Amino acid sequence: MRDSIKNNLGSYRFWIFVVALSYFGYALYFAIYGLGFSVGLIFNHVIFDAVSKNPWWWFILYYGSEGALGTLAGFIRVISGSFAVYSSYLFWKKKDLMFPSIRKAVSKTLLFEAIHFFSLGLSVIASFVYFFSSEPLYYFGHTPGLIYVLVAGIPLLLMILIVSPSLLNLRRKINKIAGDQDITKWICITGVAYLFVVFWINYSMSWAGVLVPYTRAQQQFGLEFLLAPFNFISFVITVFGLFLIAIFGLKFTLPVIQKKSTQLNIKNISAVITALGGYFMFNVFFYYLTGGYESNPSVWYEVIGPLHNPYFWCLSFLFLGIVIMAHFKTKKNESDKY
């Protein structure tokens, strides 16, 4: 029993399964949370009365983006997560990555992840309508339109335009059972798209939203908030740290993307994976050591809070990356003996 646990903890296949479980678990949590939030919007008379005073089209956009489609997007990701768990479990146990059941489950994971991003399109429309409208529209009080566009509109639009097509292209290659080189190329393209768009641009735009002058809960946000020592450290690690992770991710995968090479340097890729997981680990310590959202009621603390960050599951990449590095280092040392 003890040997079995030890072997599993040292298996990168097992940790891929753990990452998939984390992805599914957070998807399920946010689907349930989103459903409760959506129902709360309907029965919150203050919000309902405020939105009802706006034009009918804003009523549809508001409750459609924040309620119906937002909830639907959450449950679509649950479906994606369930297939991710199933495929990673088979990979852990059956070992063959191109096993038909694994290939089909991975294909469905990619499809529903892409649909998840597409289903957030109404939020993009709502953010730009809110920003450009001359009407005094309601959006959680009087949130500046620029914050809405920066934090939600632009990042979600780029996810729809860049990430979703990458996922669907990778799915197409897997379904066609294209050559290893072609599939690996699109795995790399999709991974780089996530690094730049889902992580770097997404979180950097949240910081941009924080810099918009705005008084909330008797706190003033803008440059003053950024220049607070701990906040500035978080800003640098997010804007420049995630950018470096994305750049190195591109650098390490570019030969495969350009088809100049057929193999990835596992050591370099695992370093990128570890660094990405480390970023989310940093956010945990930063969030709780600085008092969390209660002490700092701002866009940034709302985004990185473990119970409000849909990508917090990526913290599990830290452990996966470390195990992959250790696994292939051991494998290399053993081969060097012969």
Protein backbone atom coordinates (compact mmCIF):
# COMPACT_ATOMS: atom_id res chain seq x y z
CA MET A 1 0.00 0.00 0.00
CA ARG A 2 2.77 2.40 1.01
CA ASP A 3 4.76 1.52 -2.14
CA SER A 4 1.67 2.10 -4.30
CA ILE A 5 1.14 5.58 -2.82
CA LYS A 6 4.83 6.39 -3.24
CA ASN A 7 4.76 5.27 -6.89
CA ASN A 8 1.65 7.31 -7.63
CA LEU A 9 3.05 10.46 -6.03
CA GLY A 10 6.12 10.13 -8.22
CA SER A 11 4.14 9.45 -11.40
CA TYR A 12 3.65 12.36 -13.79
CA ARG A 13 0.66 10.49 -15.24
CA PHE A 14 -0.97 10.50 -11.80
CA TRP A 15 -0.34 14.26 -11.46
CA ILE A 16 -1.89 14.89 -14.88
CA PHE A 17 -4.94 13.14 -13.42
CA VAL A 18 -4.74 15.43 -10.35
CA VAL A 19 -4.62 18.51 -12.61
CA ALA A 20 -7.70 17.24 -14.46
CA LEU A 21 -9.47 16.63 -11.14
CA SER A 22 -8.63 20.18 -10.05
CA TYR A 23 -9.95 21.54 -13.35
CA PHE A 24 -13.19 19.57 -12.96
CA GLY A 25 -13.56 20.41 -9.26
CA TYR A 26 -13.24 24.14 -9.82
CA ALA A 27 -15.57 23.98 -12.82
CA LEU A 28 -18.19 22.25 -10.69
CA TYR A 29 -17.75 24.74 -7.85
CA PHE A 30 -18.13 27.72 -10.18
CA ALA A 31 -21.12 26.18 -11.95
CA ILE A 32 -22.94 25.81 -8.63
CA TYR A 33 -21.73 29.22 -7.44
CA GLY A 34 -22.81 30.79 -10.75
CA LEU A 35 -26.25 29.21 -10.54
CA GLY A 36 -26.76 30.59 -7.04
CA PHE A 37 -25.47 33.98 -8.14
CA SER A 38 -27.84 34.05 -11.13
CA VAL A 39 -30.85 33.15 -8.99
CA GLY A 40 -29.76 35.79 -6.49
CA LEU A 41 -29.73 38.45 -9.23
CA ILE A 42 -33.36 37.70 -10.04
CA PHE A 43 -34.58 37.77 -6.45
CA ASN A 44 -32.45 40.75 -5.42
CA HIS A 45 -35.12 43.45 -5.60
CA VAL A 46 -32.62 46.31 -5.45
CA ILE A 47 -30.73 45.05 -8.52
CA PHE A 48 -33.89 43.95 -10.35
CA ASP A 49 -35.58 47.31 -9.81
CA ALA A 50 -32.45 49.20 -10.91
CA VAL A 51 -32.02 47.16 -14.11
CA SER A 52 -35.76 47.35 -14.84
CA LYS A 53 -35.46 51.13 -15.09
CA ASN A 54 -33.01 50.73 -17.96
CA PRO A 55 -33.98 50.05 -21.61
CA TRP A 56 -35.32 46.54 -22.35
CA TRP A 57 -32.24 45.61 -24.38
CA TRP A 58 -29.97 46.25 -21.40
CA PHE A 59 -32.25 44.13 -19.20
CA ILE A 60 -31.71 41.24 -21.67
CA LEU A 61 -27.95 41.84 -21.94
CA TYR A 62 -27.48 42.17 -18.19
CA TYR A 63 -29.42 39.09 -17.12
CA GLY A 64 -28.29 37.15 -20.18
CA SER A 65 -24.56 37.74 -19.62
CA GLU A 66 -24.46 37.81 -15.82
CA GLY A 67 -27.17 35.20 -15.38
CA ALA A 68 -28.34 32.70 -18.01
CA LEU A 69 -25.31 32.35 -20.31
CA GLY A 70 -22.84 32.85 -17.47
CA THR A 71 -24.40 29.89 -15.66
CA LEU A 72 -24.53 27.86 -18.87
CA ALA A 73 -20.82 28.54 -19.48
CA GLY A 74 -20.05 27.14 -16.04
CA PHE A 75 -21.89 23.87 -16.65
CA ILE A 76 -20.33 23.52 -20.12
CA ARG A 77 -16.91 23.60 -18.44
CA VAL A 78 -18.11 20.92 -15.99
CA ILE A 79 -18.80 18.68 -19.00
CA SER A 80 -15.34 19.50 -20.36
CA GLY A 81 -13.82 18.71 -16.96
CA SER A 82 -15.60 15.36 -16.70
CA PHE A 83 -14.09 14.24 -20.02
CA ALA A 84 -10.69 15.57 -18.89
CA VAL A 85 -10.88 13.46 -15.72
CA TYR A 86 -11.95 10.38 -17.68
CA SER A 87 -9.21 10.71 -20.31
CA SER A 88 -6.47 11.45 -17.77
CA TYR A 89 -7.56 8.48 -15.64
CA LEU A 90 -7.32 6.19 -18.64
CA PHE A 91 -3.91 7.66 -19.50
CA TRP A 92 -2.76 7.04 -15.94
CA LYS A 93 -3.97 3.42 -15.98
CA LYS A 94 -3.75 2.28 -19.61
CA LYS A 95 -0.57 4.19 -20.49
CA ASP A 96 -1.25 4.56 -24.26
CA LEU A 97 -2.03 8.20 -25.05
CA MET A 98 -3.60 7.36 -28.43
CA PHE A 99 -5.86 4.69 -26.95
CA PRO A 100 -9.22 5.26 -28.78
CA SER A 101 -11.18 6.01 -25.59
CA ILE A 102 -8.56 8.52 -24.47
CA ARG A 103 -8.47 10.21 -27.88
CA LYS A 104 -12.28 10.54 -27.99
CA ALA A 105 -12.47 11.90 -24.43
CA VAL A 106 -9.69 14.43 -25.08
CA SER A 107 -11.50 15.50 -28.26
CA LYS A 108 -14.69 16.16 -26.27
CA THR A 109 -12.73 18.01 -23.58
CA LEU A 110 -11.36 20.38 -26.22
CA LEU A 111 -14.77 20.83 -27.86
CA PHE A 112 -16.59 21.79 -24.66
CA GLU A 113 -13.74 24.04 -23.51
CA ALA A 114 -14.03 25.92 -26.82
CA ILE A 115 -17.82 26.13 -26.46
CA HIS A 116 -17.31 27.44 -22.92
CA PHE A 117 -15.42 30.45 -24.29
CA PHE A 118 -17.91 31.00 -27.13
CA SER A 119 -20.78 31.02 -24.61
CA LEU A 120 -19.22 34.06 -22.94
CA GLY A 121 -19.71 36.14 -26.07
CA LEU A 122 -22.74 37.96 -24.67
CA SER A 123 -20.54 39.27 -21.83
CA VAL A 124 -18.24 40.83 -24.44
CA ILE A 125 -21.20 42.51 -26.16
CA ALA A 126 -22.62 43.72 -22.83
CA SER A 127 -19.29 45.24 -21.75
CA PHE A 128 -18.84 47.27 -24.94
CA VAL A 129 -22.49 48.34 -25.01
CA TYR A 130 -22.19 49.50 -21.39
CA PHE A 131 -18.98 51.39 -22.21
CA PHE A 132 -20.25 53.19 -25.32
CA SER A 133 -23.85 53.78 -24.23
CA SER A 134 -24.95 57.28 -23.31
CA GLU A 135 -27.72 55.78 -21.15
CA PRO A 136 -27.17 55.68 -17.34
CA LEU A 137 -27.11 51.87 -17.32
CA TYR A 138 -26.89 49.83 -14.14
CA TYR A 139 -23.95 47.49 -13.64
CA PHE A 140 -23.34 46.69 -9.96
CA GLY A 141 -23.80 50.25 -8.90
CA HIS A 142 -22.01 52.75 -11.10
CA THR A 143 -18.94 50.78 -12.12
CA PRO A 144 -16.98 52.76 -14.75
CA GLY A 145 -17.48 51.32 -18.23
CA LEU A 146 -13.74 51.25 -18.85
CA ILE A 147 -13.25 48.81 -15.97
CA TYR A 148 -15.93 46.49 -17.41
CA VAL A 149 -14.27 46.52 -20.85
CA LEU A 150 -10.74 46.05 -19.53
CA VAL A 151 -11.53 43.29 -17.05
CA ALA A 152 -14.13 41.36 -19.05
CA GLY A 153 -14.68 42.63 -22.59
CA ILE A 154 -11.19 42.60 -24.10
CA PRO A 155 -9.86 39.41 -22.43
CA LEU A 156 -13.01 37.40 -23.25
CA LEU A 157 -13.03 38.66 -26.84
CA LEU A 158 -9.43 37.50 -27.32
CA MET A 159 -10.25 34.12 -25.77
CA ILE A 160 -13.08 33.70 -28.27
CA LEU A 161 -11.01 34.85 -31.25
CA ILE A 162 -7.69 33.13 -30.42
CA VAL A 163 -8.07 30.37 -27.83
CA SER A 164 -11.29 28.73 -29.03
CA PRO A 165 -10.11 28.31 -32.67
CA SER A 166 -6.83 26.82 -31.38
CA LEU A 167 -8.75 24.29 -29.30
CA LEU A 168 -10.96 23.33 -32.24
CA ASN A 169 -7.99 23.00 -34.58
CA LEU A 170 -6.21 20.74 -32.09
CA ARG A 171 -9.39 18.69 -31.77
CA ARG A 172 -9.60 18.34 -35.54
CA LYS A 173 -6.01 17.06 -35.72
CA ILE A 174 -6.69 14.51 -32.96
CA ASN A 175 -9.91 13.33 -34.61
CA LYS A 176 -8.15 12.88 -37.94
CA ILE A 177 -5.36 10.99 -36.14
CA ALA A 178 -2.86 13.32 -37.79
CA GLY A 179 0.84 12.61 -37.40
CA ASP A 180 2.58 13.16 -34.07
CA GLN A 181 4.31 16.24 -35.45
CA ASP A 182 1.07 17.91 -36.49
CA ILE A 183 -0.70 17.13 -33.20
CA THR A 184 2.28 18.27 -31.13
CA LYS A 185 2.43 21.49 -33.16
CA TRP A 186 -1.19 22.32 -32.30
CA ILE A 187 -0.74 21.32 -28.67
CA CYS A 188 2.05 23.89 -28.54
CA ILE A 189 0.02 26.58 -30.34
CA THR A 190 -2.91 26.04 -27.98
CA GLY A 191 -0.66 26.07 -24.93
CA VAL A 192 1.00 29.33 -26.02
CA ALA A 193 -2.44 30.85 -26.69
CA TYR A 194 -3.44 30.05 -23.10
CA LEU A 195 -0.21 31.50 -21.72
CA PHE A 196 -0.58 34.80 -23.57
CA VAL A 197 -4.35 35.29 -23.59
CA VAL A 198 -5.95 33.36 -20.71
CA PHE A 199 -3.17 34.15 -18.26
CA TRP A 200 -0.98 37.13 -19.19
CA ILE A 201 -3.49 39.37 -21.00
CA ASN A 202 -6.41 38.33 -18.80
CA TYR A 203 -4.71 39.12 -15.49
CA SER A 204 -2.80 42.14 -16.81
CA MET A 205 -6.07 43.68 -18.00
CA SER A 206 -7.46 43.18 -14.51
CA TRP A 207 -4.58 45.28 -13.21
CA ALA A 208 -5.36 47.85 -15.91
CA GLY A 209 -8.90 47.92 -14.55
CA VAL A 210 -7.56 48.57 -11.06
CA LEU A 211 -5.70 51.64 -12.36
CA VAL A 212 -8.94 53.29 -13.50
CA PRO A 213 -9.68 55.99 -10.88
CA TYR A 214 -12.70 54.82 -8.93
CA THR A 215 -13.93 55.25 -5.39
CA ARG A 216 -15.47 52.12 -3.86
CA ALA A 217 -16.26 51.22 -0.27
CA GLN A 218 -14.52 54.42 0.86
CA GLN A 219 -11.31 53.32 -0.89
CA GLN A 220 -9.69 55.15 -3.77
CA PHE A 221 -8.25 53.04 -6.57
CA GLY A 222 -5.87 54.05 -9.32
CA LEU A 223 -2.15 54.81 -9.20
CA GLU A 224 -2.23 55.17 -5.41
CA PHE A 225 -3.45 51.58 -5.06
CA LEU A 226 -0.74 50.30 -7.43
CA LEU A 227 2.09 52.04 -5.57
CA ALA A 228 1.30 50.36 -2.26
CA PRO A 229 4.37 48.07 -1.74
CA PHE A 230 2.63 44.68 -1.72
CA ASN A 231 0.32 45.64 -4.55
CA PHE A 232 3.25 46.79 -6.67
CA ILE A 233 5.00 43.44 -6.16
CA SER A 234 1.84 41.64 -7.29
CA PHE A 235 1.59 43.97 -10.29
CA VAL A 236 5.19 43.29 -11.39
CA ILE A 237 4.88 39.52 -10.93
CA THR A 238 1.62 39.50 -12.88
CA VAL A 239 2.38 41.84 -15.77
CA PHE A 240 6.06 41.04 -16.23
CA GLY A 241 6.28 37.59 -14.64
CA LEU A 242 3.41 36.06 -16.64
CA PHE A 243 4.76 37.75 -19.77
CA LEU A 244 8.14 36.08 -19.27
CA ILE A 245 6.46 32.71 -18.69
CA ALA A 246 4.53 33.16 -21.94
CA ILE A 247 7.63 34.29 -23.86
CA PHE A 248 9.65 31.30 -22.65
CA GLY A 249 6.71 29.04 -23.45
CA LEU A 250 6.76 30.40 -27.01
CA LYS A 251 10.55 30.14 -27.24
CA PHE A 252 10.62 26.51 -26.11
CA THR A 253 7.78 25.44 -28.43
CA LEU A 254 8.61 27.56 -31.50
CA PRO A 255 10.86 24.92 -33.17
CA VAL A 256 7.99 22.41 -32.99
CA ILE A 257 5.42 24.99 -34.15
CA GLN A 258 7.64 25.84 -37.13
CA LYS A 259 8.21 22.09 -37.71
CA LYS A 260 11.96 22.51 -37.40
CA SER A 261 11.92 19.88 -34.67
CA THR A 262 9.66 16.98 -33.77
CA GLN A 263 10.45 16.85 -30.06
CA LEU A 264 10.02 19.20 -27.13
CA ASN A 265 12.64 19.76 -24.47
CA ILE A 266 10.75 18.29 -21.50
CA LYS A 267 13.00 20.02 -18.98
CA ASN A 268 12.17 23.45 -20.44
CA ILE A 269 8.45 22.73 -20.76
CA SER A 270 8.23 21.45 -17.19
CA ALA A 271 9.98 24.64 -16.02
CA VAL A 272 7.25 26.73 -17.70
CA ILE A 273 4.53 24.53 -16.16
CA THR A 274 6.13 24.84 -12.71
CA ALA A 275 6.48 28.62 -13.01
CA LEU A 276 2.82 28.97 -14.00
CA GLY A 277 1.70 26.91 -11.02
CA GLY A 278 4.08 28.93 -8.84
CA TYR A 279 2.33 32.13 -9.90
CA PHE A 280 -0.97 30.86 -8.52
CA MET A 281 0.76 29.69 -5.35
CA PHE A 282 2.15 33.21 -4.93
CA ASN A 283 -1.39 34.62 -5.30
CA VAL A 284 -2.61 32.43 -2.43
CA PHE A 285 0.01 33.78 -0.04
CA PHE A 286 -0.39 37.34 -1.34
CA TYR A 287 -4.18 37.27 -0.98
CA TYR A 288 -4.31 35.98 2.59
CA LEU A 289 -1.22 37.77 3.95
CA THR A 290 -2.59 41.14 2.82
CA GLY A 291 -6.02 40.56 4.35
CA GLY A 292 -7.90 39.40 1.28
CA TYR A 293 -10.88 41.13 -0.29
CA GLU A 294 -12.32 42.31 3.03
CA SER A 295 -9.28 44.50 3.64
CA ASN A 296 -8.82 45.42 -0.02
CA PRO A 297 -12.24 45.50 -1.77
CA SER A 298 -10.95 45.99 -5.31
CA VAL A 299 -11.06 44.44 -8.76
CA TRP A 300 -7.69 42.77 -8.27
CA TYR A 301 -8.50 41.08 -4.98
CA GLU A 302 -11.82 39.99 -6.40
CA VAL A 303 -10.07 38.40 -9.40
CA ILE A 304 -7.34 36.50 -7.52
CA GLY A 305 -9.39 35.31 -4.53
CA PRO A 306 -9.20 31.47 -4.50
CA LEU A 307 -12.98 31.25 -4.29
CA HIS A 308 -13.48 33.77 -7.09
CA ASN A 309 -10.72 32.83 -9.54
CA PRO A 310 -11.88 30.27 -12.15
CA TYR A 311 -8.26 29.45 -13.02
CA PHE A 312 -7.07 28.83 -9.49
CA TRP A 313 -6.96 25.10 -10.33
CA CYS A 314 -3.78 25.90 -12.27
CA LEU A 315 -1.92 25.89 -8.95
CA SER A 316 -1.77 22.08 -9.43
CA PHE A 317 0.61 22.68 -12.37
CA LEU A 318 3.27 23.47 -9.77
CA PHE A 319 3.33 19.87 -8.55
CA LEU A 320 2.97 18.40 -12.04
CA GLY A 321 5.93 20.42 -13.29
CA ILE A 322 8.15 19.38 -10.40
CA VAL A 323 7.26 15.70 -10.85
CA ILE A 324 7.89 15.84 -14.62
CA MET A 325 11.30 17.41 -14.06
CA ALA A 326 12.20 14.78 -11.46
CA HIS A 327 10.87 11.92 -13.63
CA PHE A 328 12.81 12.80 -16.75
CA LYS A 329 15.93 13.71 -14.79
CA THR A 330 15.89 10.24 -13.20
CA LYS A 331 15.25 8.68 -16.58
CA LYS A 332 18.20 10.57 -18.09
CA ASN A 333 20.51 9.59 -15.23
CA GLU A 334 19.58 5.94 -15.67
CA SER A 335 20.27 6.11 -19.41
CA ASP A 336 23.64 7.77 -18.77
CA LYS A 337 24.75 4.70 -16.82
CA TYR A 338 24.69 2.50 -19.90
